[in-house]
Amino acid sequence: MMRLFFFFAFAIFVLIGCQEEQSSENAEVEVTFYVVNEDQIPLGDAAISLVRPSKGEKE
């Protein structure tokens, strides 16, 4: 549970840092989250389903 908390805290910290650096240039900031160990992070499957379509769907 603590790892999940630190994962989100780090992600928010990086997101805020990127926005502060790019705010003067008005550039789009693309943040990619990598789930290292899906078994320990409950949202792993949800994050992956946002990136890749499910096996039943075809593009």
PDB file of N, CA and C in Angstrom:
ATOM      1  N   MET A   1       0.832  -1.198   0.000  1.00  0.00           N
ATOM      2  CA  MET A   1       0.000   0.000   0.000  1.00  0.00           C
ATOM      3  C   MET A   1       0.870   1.253   0.000  1.00  0.00           C
ATOM      4  N   MET A   2       1.979   1.190   0.729  1.00  0.00           N
ATOM      5  CA  MET A   2       2.884   2.345   0.758  1.00  0.00           C
ATOM      6  C   MET A   2       3.530   2.560  -0.599  1.00  0.00           C
ATOM      7  N   ARG A   3       3.808   1.467  -1.320  1.00  0.00           N
ATOM      8  CA  ARG A   3       4.417   1.612  -2.650  1.00  0.00           C
ATOM      9  C   ARG A   3       3.468   2.321  -3.597  1.00  0.00           C
ATOM     10  N   LEU A   4       2.178   2.019  -3.498  1.00  0.00           N
ATOM     11  CA  LEU A   4       1.182   2.679  -4.335  1.00  0.00           C
ATOM     12  C   LEU A   4       1.148   4.172  -4.024  1.00  0.00           C
ATOM     13  N   PHE A   5       1.216   4.520  -2.747  1.00  0.00           N
ATOM     14  CA  PHE A   5       1.226   5.926  -2.340  1.00  0.00           C
ATOM     15  C   PHE A   5       2.452   6.645  -2.904  1.00  0.00           C
ATOM     16  N   PHE A   6       3.632   6.035  -2.762  1.00  0.00           N
ATOM     17  CA  PHE A   6       4.848   6.666  -3.266  1.00  0.00           C
ATOM     18  C   PHE A   6       4.839   6.756  -4.781  1.00  0.00           C
ATOM     19  N   PHE A   7       4.247   5.764  -5.455  1.00  0.00           N
ATOM     20  CA  PHE A   7       4.143   5.785  -6.916  1.00  0.00           C
ATOM     21  C   PHE A   7       3.349   7.005  -7.369  1.00  0.00           C
ATOM     22  N   PHE A   8       2.195   7.244  -6.752  1.00  0.00           N
ATOM     23  CA  PHE A   8       1.371   8.384  -7.133  1.00  0.00           C
ATOM     24  C   PHE A   8       2.003   9.701  -6.708  1.00  0.00           C
ATOM     25  N   ALA A   9       2.645   9.730  -5.546  1.00  0.00           N
ATOM     26  CA  ALA A   9       3.316  10.951  -5.096  1.00  0.00           C
ATOM     27  C   ALA A   9       4.426  11.335  -6.063  1.00  0.00           C
ATOM     28  N   PHE A  10       5.201  10.356  -6.510  1.00  0.00           N
ATOM     29  CA  PHE A  10       6.280  10.608  -7.466  1.00  0.00           C
ATOM     30  C   PHE A  10       5.707  11.061  -8.812  1.00  0.00           C
ATOM     31  N   ALA A  11       4.621  10.420  -9.250  1.00  0.00           N
ATOM     32  CA  ALA A  11       4.006  10.779 -10.532  1.00  0.00           C
ATOM     33  C   ALA A  11       3.488  12.212 -10.505  1.00  0.00           C
ATOM     34  N   ILE A  12       2.849  12.615  -9.411  1.00  0.00           N
ATOM     35  CA  ILE A  12       2.344  13.981  -9.282  1.00  0.00           C
ATOM     36  C   ILE A  12       3.501  14.969  -9.226  1.00  0.00           C
ATOM     37  N   PHE A  13       4.564  14.622  -8.525  1.00  0.00           N
ATOM     38  CA  PHE A  13       5.739  15.480  -8.432  1.00  0.00           C
ATOM     39  C   PHE A  13       6.358  15.709  -9.808  1.00  0.00           C
ATOM     40  N   VAL A  14       6.491  14.649 -10.594  1.00  0.00           N
ATOM     41  CA  VAL A  14       7.050  14.761 -11.949  1.00  0.00           C
ATOM     42  C   VAL A  14       6.133  15.581 -12.838  1.00  0.00           C
ATOM     43  N   LEU A  15       4.829  15.362 -12.732  1.00  0.00           N
ATOM     44  CA  LEU A  15       3.874  16.091 -13.551  1.00  0.00           C
ATOM     45  C   LEU A  15       3.931  17.582 -13.261  1.00  0.00           C
ATOM     46  N   ILE A  16       3.978  17.963 -11.980  1.00  0.00           N
ATOM     47  CA  ILE A  16       4.055  19.373 -11.610  1.00  0.00           C
ATOM     48  C   ILE A  16       5.379  19.967 -12.088  1.00  0.00           C
ATOM     49  N   GLY A  17       6.463  19.236 -11.947  1.00  0.00           N
ATOM     50  CA  GLY A  17       7.764  19.717 -12.400  1.00  0.00           C
ATOM     51  C   GLY A  17       7.796  19.962 -13.895  1.00  0.00           C
ATOM     52  N   CYS A  18       7.195  19.063 -14.665  1.00  0.00           N
ATOM     53  CA  CYS A  18       7.162  19.226 -16.124  1.00  0.00           C
ATOM     54  C   CYS A  18       6.315  20.438 -16.509  1.00  0.00           C
ATOM     55  N   GLN A  19       5.211  20.645 -15.829  1.00  0.00           N
ATOM     56  CA  GLN A  19       4.342  21.771 -16.157  1.00  0.00           C
ATOM     57  C   GLN A  19       5.028  23.099 -15.836  1.00  0.00           C
ATOM     58  N   GLU A  20       5.786  23.159 -14.756  1.00  0.00           N
ATOM     59  CA  GLU A  20       6.475  24.399 -14.406  1.00  0.00           C
ATOM     60  C   GLU A  20       7.567  24.723 -15.416  1.00  0.00           C
ATOM     61  N   GLU A  21       8.280  23.708 -15.890  1.00  0.00           N
ATOM     62  CA  GLU A  21       9.342  23.930 -16.860  1.00  0.00           C
ATOM     63  C   GLU A  21       8.787  24.349 -18.213  1.00  0.00           C
ATOM     64  N   GLN A  22       7.662  23.799 -18.624  1.00  0.00           N
ATOM     65  CA  GLN A  22       7.115  24.045 -19.953  1.00  0.00           C
ATOM     66  C   GLN A  22       6.089  25.179 -19.978  1.00  0.00           C
ATOM     67  N   SER A  23       5.753  25.757 -18.838  1.00  0.00           N
ATOM     68  CA  SER A  23       4.677  26.740 -18.800  1.00  0.00           C
ATOM     69  C   SER A  23       5.001  27.983 -19.639  1.00  0.00           C
ATOM     70  N   SER A  24       6.255  28.389 -19.695  1.00  0.00           N
ATOM     71  CA  SER A  24       6.609  29.590 -20.445  1.00  0.00           C
ATOM     72  C   SER A  24       6.553  29.351 -21.953  1.00  0.00           C
ATOM     73  N   GLU A  25       6.724  28.102 -22.368  1.00  0.00           N
ATOM     74  CA  GLU A  25       6.749  27.806 -23.799  1.00  0.00           C
ATOM     75  C   GLU A  25       5.378  27.378 -24.333  1.00  0.00           C
ATOM     76  N   ASN A  26       4.418  27.134 -23.444  1.00  0.00           N
ATOM     77  CA  ASN A  26       3.087  26.656 -23.832  1.00  0.00           C
ATOM     78  C   ASN A  26       3.164  25.386 -24.671  1.00  0.00           C
ATOM     79  N   ALA A  27       4.059  24.501 -24.334  1.00  0.00           N
ATOM     80  CA  ALA A  27       4.203  23.243 -25.066  1.00  0.00           C
ATOM     81  C   ALA A  27       3.379  22.161 -24.380  1.00  0.00           C
ATOM     82  N   GLU A  28       2.970  21.177 -25.162  1.00  0.00           N
ATOM     83  CA  GLU A  28       2.219  20.069 -24.584  1.00  0.00           C
ATOM     84  C   GLU A  28       3.177  19.141 -23.838  1.00  0.00           C
ATOM     85  N   VAL A  29       2.750  18.697 -22.681  1.00  0.00           N
ATOM     86  CA  VAL A  29       3.568  17.801 -21.879  1.00  0.00           C
ATOM     87  C   VAL A  29       2.947  16.407 -21.932  1.00  0.00           C
ATOM     88  N   GLU A  30       3.729  15.464 -22.398  1.00  0.00           N
ATOM     89  CA  GLU A  30       3.241  14.088 -22.466  1.00  0.00           C
ATOM     90  C   GLU A  30       3.916  13.283 -21.371  1.00  0.00           C
ATOM     91  N   VAL A  31       3.124  12.758 -20.448  1.00  0.00           N
ATOM     92  CA  VAL A  31       3.653  11.990 -19.327  1.00  0.00           C
ATOM     93  C   VAL A  31       3.252  10.528 -19.513  1.00  0.00           C
ATOM     94  N   THR A  32       4.224   9.666 -19.494  1.00  0.00           N
ATOM     95  CA  THR A  32       3.960   8.240 -19.661  1.00  0.00           C
ATOM     96  C   THR A  32       4.242   7.524 -18.340  1.00  0.00           C
ATOM     97  N   PHE A  33       3.297   6.712 -17.888  1.00  0.00           N
ATOM     98  CA  PHE A  33       3.468   5.965 -16.649  1.00  0.00           C
ATOM     99  C   PHE A  33       3.784   4.513 -16.986  1.00  0.00           C
ATOM    100  N   TYR A  34       4.840   4.009 -16.398  1.00  0.00           N
ATOM    101  CA  TYR A  34       5.199   2.610 -16.594  1.00  0.00           C
ATOM    102  C   TYR A  34       4.930   1.841 -15.307  1.00  0.00           C
ATOM    103  N   VAL A  35       4.144   0.790 -15.403  1.00  0.00           N
ATOM    104  CA  VAL A  35       3.862  -0.049 -14.243  1.00  0.00           C
ATOM    105  C   VAL A  35       4.900  -1.171 -14.219  1.00  0.00           C
ATOM    106  N   VAL A  36       5.770  -1.113 -13.207  1.00  0.00           N
ATOM    107  CA  VAL A  36       6.877  -2.067 -13.160  1.00  0.00           C
ATOM    108  C   VAL A  36       6.419  -3.421 -12.665  1.00  0.00           C
ATOM    109  N   ASN A  37       5.666  -3.431 -11.588  1.00  0.00           N
ATOM    110  CA  ASN A  37       5.237  -4.706 -11.011  1.00  0.00           C
ATOM    111  C   ASN A  37       3.727  -4.672 -10.837  1.00  0.00           C
ATOM    112  N   GLU A  38       3.007  -5.254 -11.785  1.00  0.00           N
ATOM    113  CA  GLU A  38       1.551  -5.168 -11.793  1.00  0.00           C
ATOM    114  C   GLU A  38       0.915  -5.867 -10.601  1.00  0.00           C
ATOM    115  N   ASP A  39       1.553  -6.913 -10.089  1.00  0.00           N
ATOM    116  CA  ASP A  39       0.960  -7.678  -8.989  1.00  0.00           C
ATOM    117  C   ASP A  39       0.847  -6.853  -7.713  1.00  0.00           C
ATOM    118  N   GLN A  40       1.741  -5.897  -7.532  1.00  0.00           N
ATOM    119  CA  GLN A  40       1.737  -5.104  -6.301  1.00  0.00           C
ATOM    120  C   GLN A  40       0.945  -3.806  -6.452  1.00  0.00           C
ATOM    121  N   ILE A  41       0.586  -3.442  -7.681  1.00  0.00           N
ATOM    122  CA  ILE A  41      -0.178  -2.213  -7.901  1.00  0.00           C
ATOM    123  C   ILE A  41      -1.550  -2.592  -8.471  1.00  0.00           C
ATOM    124  N   PRO A  42      -2.618  -2.391  -7.708  1.00  0.00           N
ATOM    125  CA  PRO A  42      -3.949  -2.815  -8.143  1.00  0.00           C
ATOM    126  C   PRO A  42      -4.397  -2.154  -9.445  1.00  0.00           C
ATOM    127  N   LEU A  43      -3.922  -0.938  -9.734  1.00  0.00           N
ATOM    128  CA  LEU A  43      -4.361  -0.212 -10.917  1.00  0.00           C
ATOM    129  C   LEU A  43      -3.567  -0.600 -12.159  1.00  0.00           C
ATOM    130  N   GLY A  44      -2.709  -1.597 -12.051  1.00  0.00           N
ATOM    131  CA  GLY A  44      -1.876  -1.988 -13.187  1.00  0.00           C
ATOM    132  C   GLY A  44      -2.691  -2.384 -14.405  1.00  0.00           C
ATOM    133  N   ASP A  45      -3.722  -3.209 -14.205  1.00  0.00           N
ATOM    134  CA  ASP A  45      -4.532  -3.665 -15.324  1.00  0.00           C
ATOM    135  C   ASP A  45      -5.308  -2.511 -15.946  1.00  0.00           C
ATOM    136  N   ALA A  46      -5.797  -1.598 -15.124  1.00  0.00           N
ATOM    137  CA  ALA A  46      -6.543  -0.454 -15.642  1.00  0.00           C
ATOM    138  C   ALA A  46      -5.633   0.462 -16.462  1.00  0.00           C
ATOM    139  N   ALA A  47      -4.408   0.679 -15.990  1.00  0.00           N
ATOM    140  CA  ALA A  47      -3.470   1.533 -16.705  1.00  0.00           C
ATOM    141  C   ALA A  47      -3.105   0.924 -18.051  1.00  0.00           C
ATOM    142  N   ILE A  48      -2.908  -0.379 -18.083  1.00  0.00           N
ATOM    143  CA  ILE A  48      -2.543  -1.051 -19.332  1.00  0.00           C
ATOM    144  C   ILE A  48      -3.721  -1.041 -20.302  1.00  0.00           C
ATOM    145  N   SER A  49      -4.938  -1.170 -19.805  1.00  0.00           N
ATOM    146  CA  SER A  49      -6.102  -1.177 -20.691  1.00  0.00           C
ATOM    147  C   SER A  49      -6.307   0.191 -21.333  1.00  0.00           C
ATOM    148  N   LEU A  50      -5.843   1.257 -20.692  1.00  0.00           N
ATOM    149  CA  LEU A  50      -5.933   2.586 -21.289  1.00  0.00           C
ATOM    150  C   LEU A  50      -4.935   2.737 -22.431  1.00  0.00           C
ATOM    151  N   VAL A  51      -3.802   2.066 -22.309  1.00  0.00           N
ATOM    152  CA  VAL A  51      -2.758   2.186 -23.323  1.00  0.00           C
ATOM    153  C   VAL A  51      -3.050   1.275 -24.501  1.00  0.00           C
ATOM    154  N   ARG A  52      -3.386   0.034 -24.231  1.00  0.00           N
ATOM    155  CA  ARG A  52      -3.614  -0.949 -25.292  1.00  0.00           C
ATOM    156  C   ARG A  52      -5.080  -1.365 -25.314  1.00  0.00           C
ATOM    157  N   PRO A  53      -5.664  -1.561 -26.478  1.00  0.00           N
ATOM    158  CA  PRO A  53      -7.039  -2.086 -26.512  1.00  0.00           C
ATOM    159  C   PRO A  53      -7.065  -3.518 -25.984  1.00  0.00           C
ATOM    160  N   SER A  54      -8.196  -3.917 -25.466  1.00  0.00           N
ATOM    161  CA  SER A  54      -8.292  -5.275 -24.934  1.00  0.00           C
ATOM    162  C   SER A  54      -8.199  -6.299 -26.057  1.00  0.00           C
ATOM    163  N   LYS A  55      -7.965  -7.545 -25.688  1.00  0.00           N
ATOM    164  CA  LYS A  55      -7.739  -8.597 -26.689  1.00  0.00           C
ATOM    165  C   LYS A  55      -8.966  -8.818 -27.578  1.00  0.00           C
ATOM    166  N   GLY A  56     -10.146  -8.565 -27.055  1.00  0.00           N
ATOM    167  CA  GLY A  56     -11.361  -8.793 -27.835  1.00  0.00           C
ATOM    168  C   GLY A  56     -11.615  -7.715 -28.886  1.00  0.00           C
ATOM    169  N   GLU A  57     -11.067  -6.521 -28.684  1.00  0.00           N
ATOM    170  CA  GLU A  57     -11.311  -5.421 -29.617  1.00  0.00           C
ATOM    171  C   GLU A  57     -10.294  -5.425 -30.748  1.00  0.00           C
ATOM    172  N   LYS A  58     -10.752  -5.016 -31.911  1.00  0.00           N
ATOM    173  CA  LYS A  58      -9.847  -4.878 -33.055  1.00  0.00           C
ATOM    174  C   LYS A  58      -9.884  -3.441 -33.532  1.00  0.00           C
ATOM    175  N   GLU A  59      -8.735  -2.951 -33.976  1.00  0.00           N
ATOM    176  CA  GLU A  59      -8.677  -1.564 -34.435  1.00  0.00           C
ATOM    177  C   GLU A  59      -9.307  -1.418 -35.809  1.00  0.00           C
TER     178      GLU A  59
END
